């Protein structure tokens, strides 16, 4: 699946690969010592935020998740 911003698609793929590798090779085996993909995620997130702004996509009231953010209470 492509990203919301065409320029962000390669970053999305890089993050997806990193996350999937970490999840399968570390997290599922009990190693929760950290997420090596945080910086890649942040670069991708900045790219997406820029694309959203450039495309004037309304995001008022939307909560964003990411490293260092807690899950919203349900």
PDB file of N, CA and C in Angstrom:
ATOM      1  N   UNK A   1       0.852  -1.176   0.000  1.00  0.00           N
ATOM      2  CA  UNK A   1       0.000   0.000   0.000  1.00  0.00           C
ATOM      3  C   UNK A   1       0.895   1.235   0.000  1.00  0.00           C
ATOM      4  N   UNK A   2       0.529   2.196  -0.822  1.00  0.00           N
ATOM      5  CA  UNK A   2       1.285   3.437  -0.885  1.00  0.00           C
ATOM      6  C   UNK A   2       0.904   4.361   0.256  1.00  0.00           C
ATOM      7  N   UNK A   3       1.728   5.349   0.457  1.00  0.00           N
ATOM      8  CA  UNK A   3       1.491   6.337   1.498  1.00  0.00           C
ATOM      9  C   UNK A   3       0.576   7.436   0.978  1.00  0.00           C
ATOM     10  N   UNK A   4       0.064   8.241   1.889  1.00  0.00           N
ATOM     11  CA  UNK A   4      -0.790   9.371   1.518  1.00  0.00           C
ATOM     12  C   UNK A   4      -0.022  10.367   0.642  1.00  0.00           C
ATOM     13  N   UNK A   5       1.248  10.464   0.852  1.00  0.00           N
ATOM     14  CA  UNK A   5       2.090  11.322   0.032  1.00  0.00           C
ATOM     15  C   UNK A   5       3.011  10.463  -0.814  1.00  0.00           C
ATOM     16  N   UNK A   6       2.986  10.663  -2.121  1.00  0.00           N
ATOM     17  CA  UNK A   6       3.796   9.833  -3.013  1.00  0.00           C
ATOM     18  C   UNK A   6       5.268   9.851  -2.611  1.00  0.00           C
ATOM     19  N   UNK A   7       5.745  11.000  -2.158  1.00  0.00           N
ATOM     20  CA  UNK A   7       7.145  11.135  -1.744  1.00  0.00           C
ATOM     21  C   UNK A   7       7.442  10.321  -0.483  1.00  0.00           C
ATOM     22  N   UNK A   8       6.410   9.893   0.229  1.00  0.00           N
ATOM     23  CA  UNK A   8       6.583   9.177   1.494  1.00  0.00           C
ATOM     24  C   UNK A   8       6.558   7.655   1.335  1.00  0.00           C
ATOM     25  N   UNK A   9       6.238   7.172   0.161  1.00  0.00           N
ATOM     26  CA  UNK A   9       6.052   5.734  -0.031  1.00  0.00           C
ATOM     27  C   UNK A   9       7.316   4.937   0.282  1.00  0.00           C
ATOM     28  N   UNK A  10       8.480   5.411  -0.162  1.00  0.00           N
ATOM     29  CA  UNK A  10       9.717   4.679   0.140  1.00  0.00           C
ATOM     30  C   UNK A  10       9.998   4.656   1.642  1.00  0.00           C
ATOM     31  N   UNK A  11       9.724   5.764   2.330  1.00  0.00           N
ATOM     32  CA  UNK A  11       9.906   5.795   3.789  1.00  0.00           C
ATOM     33  C   UNK A  11       8.941   4.833   4.473  1.00  0.00           C
ATOM     34  N   UNK A  12       7.714   4.753   3.968  1.00  0.00           N
ATOM     35  CA  UNK A  12       6.727   3.827   4.536  1.00  0.00           C
ATOM     36  C   UNK A  12       7.220   2.388   4.394  1.00  0.00           C
ATOM     37  N   UNK A  13       7.713   2.042   3.218  1.00  0.00           N
ATOM     38  CA  UNK A  13       8.210   0.682   2.995  1.00  0.00           C
ATOM     39  C   UNK A  13       9.405   0.382   3.893  1.00  0.00           C
ATOM     40  N   UNK A  14      10.301   1.365   4.037  1.00  0.00           N
ATOM     41  CA  UNK A  14      11.469   1.189   4.907  1.00  0.00           C
ATOM     42  C   UNK A  14      11.024   0.948   6.347  1.00  0.00           C
ATOM     43  N   UNK A  15      10.054   1.748   6.814  1.00  0.00           N
ATOM     44  CA  UNK A  15       9.551   1.569   8.181  1.00  0.00           C
ATOM     45  C   UNK A  15       8.837   0.222   8.330  1.00  0.00           C
ATOM     46  N   UNK A  16       7.987  -0.122   7.367  1.00  0.00           N
ATOM     47  CA  UNK A  16       7.258  -1.396   7.437  1.00  0.00           C
ATOM     48  C   UNK A  16       8.223  -2.573   7.532  1.00  0.00           C
ATOM     49  N   UNK A  17       9.274  -2.563   6.714  1.00  0.00           N
ATOM     50  CA  UNK A  17      10.266  -3.640   6.750  1.00  0.00           C
ATOM     51  C   UNK A  17      10.963  -3.697   8.104  1.00  0.00           C
ATOM     52  N   UNK A  18      11.374  -2.537   8.599  1.00  0.00           N
ATOM     53  CA  UNK A  18      12.061  -2.469   9.888  1.00  0.00           C
ATOM     54  C   UNK A  18      11.156  -2.995  11.002  1.00  0.00           C
ATOM     55  N   UNK A  19       9.921  -2.509  11.034  1.00  0.00           N
ATOM     56  CA  UNK A  19       8.986  -2.915  12.085  1.00  0.00           C
ATOM     57  C   UNK A  19       8.700  -4.406  12.021  1.00  0.00           C
ATOM     58  N   UNK A  20       8.406  -4.914  10.827  1.00  0.00           N
ATOM     59  CA  UNK A  20       8.081  -6.340  10.690  1.00  0.00           C
ATOM     60  C   UNK A  20       9.247  -7.224  11.109  1.00  0.00           C
ATOM     61  N   UNK A  21      10.457  -6.819  10.746  1.00  0.00           N
ATOM     62  CA  UNK A  21      11.656  -7.585  11.136  1.00  0.00           C
ATOM     63  C   UNK A  21      11.809  -7.558  12.662  1.00  0.00           C
ATOM     64  N   UNK A  22      11.706  -6.375  13.264  1.00  0.00           N
ATOM     65  CA  UNK A  22      11.826  -6.239  14.723  1.00  0.00           C
ATOM     66  C   UNK A  22      10.731  -7.044  15.430  1.00  0.00           C
ATOM     67  N   UNK A  23       9.505  -6.937  14.935  1.00  0.00           N
ATOM     68  CA  UNK A  23       8.383  -7.618  15.570  1.00  0.00           C
ATOM     69  C   UNK A  23       8.581  -9.131  15.550  1.00  0.00           C
ATOM     70  N   UNK A  24       8.965  -9.679  14.400  1.00  0.00           N
ATOM     71  CA  UNK A  24       9.121 -11.135  14.259  1.00  0.00           C
ATOM     72  C   UNK A  24      10.371 -11.661  14.952  1.00  0.00           C
ATOM     73  N   UNK A  25      11.472 -10.933  14.824  1.00  0.00           N
ATOM     74  CA  UNK A  25      12.751 -11.444  15.316  1.00  0.00           C
ATOM     75  C   UNK A  25      13.046 -11.085  16.770  1.00  0.00           C
ATOM     76  N   UNK A  26      12.415 -10.075  17.283  1.00  0.00           N
ATOM     77  CA  UNK A  26      12.692  -9.644  18.661  1.00  0.00           C
ATOM     78  C   UNK A  26      11.447  -9.727  19.550  1.00  0.00           C
ATOM     79  N   UNK A  27      10.451  -8.902  19.237  1.00  0.00           N
ATOM     80  CA  UNK A  27       9.288  -8.756  20.109  1.00  0.00           C
ATOM     81  C   UNK A  27       8.582 -10.084  20.372  1.00  0.00           C
ATOM     82  N   UNK A  28       8.304 -10.838  19.325  1.00  0.00           N
ATOM     83  CA  UNK A  28       7.594 -12.110  19.507  1.00  0.00           C
ATOM     84  C   UNK A  28       8.417 -13.151  20.245  1.00  0.00           C
ATOM     85  N   UNK A  29       9.715 -12.927  20.336  1.00  0.00           N
ATOM     86  CA  UNK A  29      10.592 -13.848  21.059  1.00  0.00           C
ATOM     87  C   UNK A  29      10.895 -13.341  22.463  1.00  0.00           C
ATOM     88  N   UNK A  30      10.158 -12.307  22.894  1.00  0.00           N
ATOM     89  CA  UNK A  30      10.281 -11.818  24.259  1.00  0.00           C
ATOM     90  C   UNK A  30      11.277 -10.692  24.459  1.00  0.00           C
ATOM     91  N   UNK A  31      11.969 -10.269  23.425  1.00  0.00           N
ATOM     92  CA  UNK A  31      12.937  -9.174  23.552  1.00  0.00           C
ATOM     93  C   UNK A  31      12.215  -7.853  23.351  1.00  0.00           C
ATOM     94  N   UNK A  32      11.953  -7.176  24.442  1.00  0.00           N
ATOM     95  CA  UNK A  32      11.243  -5.896  24.392  1.00  0.00           C
ATOM     96  C   UNK A  32      12.185  -4.757  24.783  1.00  0.00           C
ATOM     97  N   UNK A  33      13.461  -4.919  24.399  1.00  0.00           N
ATOM     98  CA  UNK A  33      14.494  -3.979  24.833  1.00  0.00           C
ATOM     99  C   UNK A  33      14.513  -2.673  24.048  1.00  0.00           C
ATOM    100  N   UNK A  34      13.620  -2.501  23.129  1.00  0.00           N
ATOM    101  CA  UNK A  34      13.573  -1.247  22.403  1.00  0.00           C
ATOM    102  C   UNK A  34      13.141  -1.447  20.969  1.00  0.00           C
ATOM    103  N   UNK A  35      12.757  -0.371  20.363  1.00  0.00           N
ATOM    104  CA  UNK A  35      12.304  -0.383  18.982  1.00  0.00           C
ATOM    105  C   UNK A  35      13.350   0.320  18.132  1.00  0.00           C
ATOM    106  N   UNK A  36      14.084  -0.411  17.291  1.00  0.00           N
ATOM    107  CA  UNK A  36      15.130   0.198  16.479  1.00  0.00           C
ATOM    108  C   UNK A  36      14.580   1.035  15.320  1.00  0.00           C
ATOM    109  N   UNK A  37      13.266   1.073  15.171  1.00  0.00           N
ATOM    110  CA  UNK A  37      12.646   1.737  14.024  1.00  0.00           C
ATOM    111  C   UNK A  37      12.119   3.130  14.352  1.00  0.00           C
ATOM    112  N   UNK A  38      12.357   3.615  15.545  1.00  0.00           N
ATOM    113  CA  UNK A  38      11.782   4.879  15.982  1.00  0.00           C
ATOM    114  C   UNK A  38      12.165   6.040  15.074  1.00  0.00           C
ATOM    115  N   UNK A  39      13.425   6.172  14.731  1.00  0.00           N
ATOM    116  CA  UNK A  39      13.848   7.302  13.897  1.00  0.00           C
ATOM    117  C   UNK A  39      13.263   7.190  12.484  1.00  0.00           C
ATOM    118  N   UNK A  40      13.201   5.984  11.959  1.00  0.00           N
ATOM    119  CA  UNK A  40      12.591   5.780  10.641  1.00  0.00           C
ATOM    120  C   UNK A  40      11.124   6.169  10.692  1.00  0.00           C
ATOM    121  N   UNK A  41      10.430   5.782  11.764  1.00  0.00           N
ATOM    122  CA  UNK A  41       9.024   6.148  11.924  1.00  0.00           C
ATOM    123  C   UNK A  41       8.870   7.661  11.978  1.00  0.00           C
ATOM    124  N   UNK A  42       9.724   8.330  12.720  1.00  0.00           N
ATOM    125  CA  UNK A  42       9.612   9.791  12.841  1.00  0.00           C
ATOM    126  C   UNK A  42       9.821  10.489  11.497  1.00  0.00           C
ATOM    127  N   UNK A  43      10.781  10.000  10.703  1.00  0.00           N
ATOM    128  CA  UNK A  43      10.994  10.582   9.365  1.00  0.00           C
ATOM    129  C   UNK A  43       9.755  10.371   8.495  1.00  0.00           C
ATOM    130  N   UNK A  44       9.197   9.184   8.553  1.00  0.00           N
ATOM    131  CA  UNK A  44       7.976   8.881   7.793  1.00  0.00           C
ATOM    132  C   UNK A  44       6.810   9.748   8.280  1.00  0.00           C
ATOM    133  N   UNK A  45       6.669   9.876   9.586  1.00  0.00           N
ATOM    134  CA  UNK A  45       5.585  10.674  10.156  1.00  0.00           C
ATOM    135  C   UNK A  45       5.683  12.131   9.699  1.00  0.00           C
ATOM    136  N   UNK A  46       6.896  12.696   9.728  1.00  0.00           N
ATOM    137  CA  UNK A  46       7.074  14.085   9.273  1.00  0.00           C
ATOM    138  C   UNK A  46       6.699  14.226   7.796  1.00  0.00           C
ATOM    139  N   UNK A  47       7.076  13.263   6.989  1.00  0.00           N
ATOM    140  CA  UNK A  47       6.752  13.279   5.570  1.00  0.00           C
ATOM    141  C   UNK A  47       5.232  13.258   5.362  1.00  0.00           C
ATOM    142  N   UNK A  48       4.548  12.378   6.086  1.00  0.00           N
ATOM    143  CA  UNK A  48       3.091  12.269   5.967  1.00  0.00           C
ATOM    144  C   UNK A  48       2.420  13.559   6.429  1.00  0.00           C
ATOM    145  N   UNK A  49       2.890  14.118   7.532  1.00  0.00           N
ATOM    146  CA  UNK A  49       2.296  15.361   8.018  1.00  0.00           C
ATOM    147  C   UNK A  49       2.460  16.482   6.996  1.00  0.00           C
ATOM    148  N   UNK A  50       3.605  16.534   6.341  1.00  0.00           N
ATOM    149  CA  UNK A  50       3.848  17.537   5.308  1.00  0.00           C
ATOM    150  C   UNK A  50       2.903  17.309   4.123  1.00  0.00           C
ATOM    151  N   UNK A  51       2.747  16.046   3.711  1.00  0.00           N
ATOM    152  CA  UNK A  51       1.861  15.721   2.587  1.00  0.00           C
ATOM    153  C   UNK A  51       0.411  16.072   2.910  1.00  0.00           C
ATOM    154  N   UNK A  52      -0.010  15.804   4.125  1.00  0.00           N
ATOM    155  CA  UNK A  52      -1.378  16.133   4.546  1.00  0.00           C
ATOM    156  C   UNK A  52      -1.595  17.635   4.471  1.00  0.00           C
ATOM    157  N   UNK A  53      -0.613  18.376   4.934  1.00  0.00           N
ATOM    158  CA  UNK A  53      -0.717  19.838   4.901  1.00  0.00           C
ATOM    159  C   UNK A  53      -0.759  20.344   3.456  1.00  0.00           C
ATOM    160  N   UNK A  54       0.129  19.814   2.611  1.00  0.00           N
ATOM    161  CA  UNK A  54       0.184  20.245   1.212  1.00  0.00           C
ATOM    162  C   UNK A  54      -1.101  19.908   0.457  1.00  0.00           C
ATOM    163  N   UNK A  55      -1.727  18.785   0.805  1.00  0.00           N
ATOM    164  CA  UNK A  55      -2.967  18.374   0.130  1.00  0.00           C
ATOM    165  C   UNK A  55      -4.201  18.969   0.797  1.00  0.00           C
ATOM    166  N   UNK A  56      -3.976  19.737   1.854  1.00  0.00           N
ATOM    167  CA  UNK A  56      -5.059  20.398   2.583  1.00  0.00           C
ATOM    168  C   UNK A  56      -6.128  19.393   3.034  1.00  0.00           C
ATOM    169  N   UNK A  57      -5.662  18.276   3.585  1.00  0.00           N
ATOM    170  CA  UNK A  57      -6.562  17.246   4.113  1.00  0.00           C
ATOM    171  C   UNK A  57      -6.928  17.622   5.546  1.00  0.00           C
ATOM    172  N   UNK A  58      -8.225  17.771   5.841  1.00  0.00           N
ATOM    173  CA  UNK A  58      -8.626  18.160   7.199  1.00  0.00           C
ATOM    174  C   UNK A  58      -8.369  17.028   8.193  1.00  0.00           C
ATOM    175  N   UNK A  59      -7.673  17.356   9.276  1.00  0.00           N
ATOM    176  CA  UNK A  59      -7.370  16.344  10.299  1.00  0.00           C
ATOM    177  C   UNK A  59      -7.750  16.817  11.696  1.00  0.00           C
ATOM    178  N   UNK A  60      -8.579  17.846  11.778  1.00  0.00           N
ATOM    179  CA  UNK A  60      -9.001  18.356  13.083  1.00  0.00           C
ATOM    180  C   UNK A  60      -9.640  17.251  13.917  1.00  0.00           C
ATOM    181  N   UNK A  61      -9.188  17.112  15.146  1.00  0.00           N
ATOM    182  CA  UNK A  61      -9.740  16.129  16.066  1.00  0.00           C
ATOM    183  C   UNK A  61      -9.162  14.734  15.923  1.00  0.00           C
ATOM    184  N   UNK A  62      -8.219  14.540  15.021  1.00  0.00           N
ATOM    185  CA  UNK A  62      -7.615  13.225  14.824  1.00  0.00           C
ATOM    186  C   UNK A  62      -6.439  13.070  15.782  1.00  0.00           C
ATOM    187  N   UNK A  63      -6.419  11.980  16.512  1.00  0.00           N
ATOM    188  CA  UNK A  63      -5.328  11.680  17.428  1.00  0.00           C
ATOM    189  C   UNK A  63      -4.283  10.851  16.701  1.00  0.00           C
ATOM    190  N   UNK A  64      -3.013  11.180  16.874  1.00  0.00           N
ATOM    191  CA  UNK A  64      -1.940  10.436  16.228  1.00  0.00           C
ATOM    192  C   UNK A  64      -1.183   9.620  17.257  1.00  0.00           C
ATOM    193  N   UNK A  65      -0.861   8.388  16.862  1.00  0.00           N
ATOM    194  CA  UNK A  65      -0.070   7.506  17.710  1.00  0.00           C
ATOM    195  C   UNK A  65       1.356   7.510  17.187  1.00  0.00           C
ATOM    196  N   UNK A  66       2.257   7.044  18.002  1.00  0.00           N
ATOM    197  CA  UNK A  66       3.642   6.930  17.581  1.00  0.00           C
ATOM    198  C   UNK A  66       4.513   6.661  18.787  1.00  0.00           C
ATOM    199  N   UNK A  67       5.807   6.497  18.552  1.00  0.00           N
ATOM    200  CA  UNK A  67       6.722   6.252  19.664  1.00  0.00           C
ATOM    201  C   UNK A  67       6.629   7.363  20.709  1.00  0.00           C
ATOM    202  N   UNK A  68       6.536   6.968  21.940  1.00  0.00           N
ATOM    203  CA  UNK A  68       6.490   7.944  23.022  1.00  0.00           C
ATOM    204  C   UNK A  68       5.098   8.473  23.321  1.00  0.00           C
ATOM    205  N   UNK A  69       4.095   7.979  22.606  1.00  0.00           N
ATOM    206  CA  UNK A  69       2.734   8.431  22.858  1.00  0.00           C
ATOM    207  C   UNK A  69       1.950   7.283  23.473  1.00  0.00           C
ATOM    208  N   UNK A  70       1.162   7.601  24.477  1.00  0.00           N
ATOM    209  CA  UNK A  70       0.359   6.581  25.135  1.00  0.00           C
ATOM    210  C   UNK A  70      -0.904   6.313  24.327  1.00  0.00           C
ATOM    211  N   UNK A  71      -1.418   5.102  24.479  1.00  0.00           N
ATOM    212  CA  UNK A  71      -2.674   4.744  23.851  1.00  0.00           C
ATOM    213  C   UNK A  71      -3.794   5.557  24.501  1.00  0.00           C
ATOM    214  N   UNK A  72      -4.733   6.087  23.707  1.00  0.00           N
ATOM    215  CA  UNK A  72      -5.851   6.815  24.310  1.00  0.00           C
ATOM    216  C   UNK A  72      -6.716   5.879  25.152  1.00  0.00           C
ATOM    217  N   UNK A  73      -7.274   6.417  26.197  1.00  0.00           N
ATOM    218  CA  UNK A  73      -8.179   5.641  27.045  1.00  0.00           C
ATOM    219  C   UNK A  73      -9.462   5.362  26.269  1.00  0.00           C
ATOM    220  N   UNK A  74      -9.977   4.130  26.392  1.00  0.00           N
ATOM    221  CA  UNK A  74     -11.227   3.810  25.677  1.00  0.00           C
ATOM    222  C   UNK A  74     -12.380   3.705  26.627  1.00  0.00           C
TER     223      UNK A  74
END
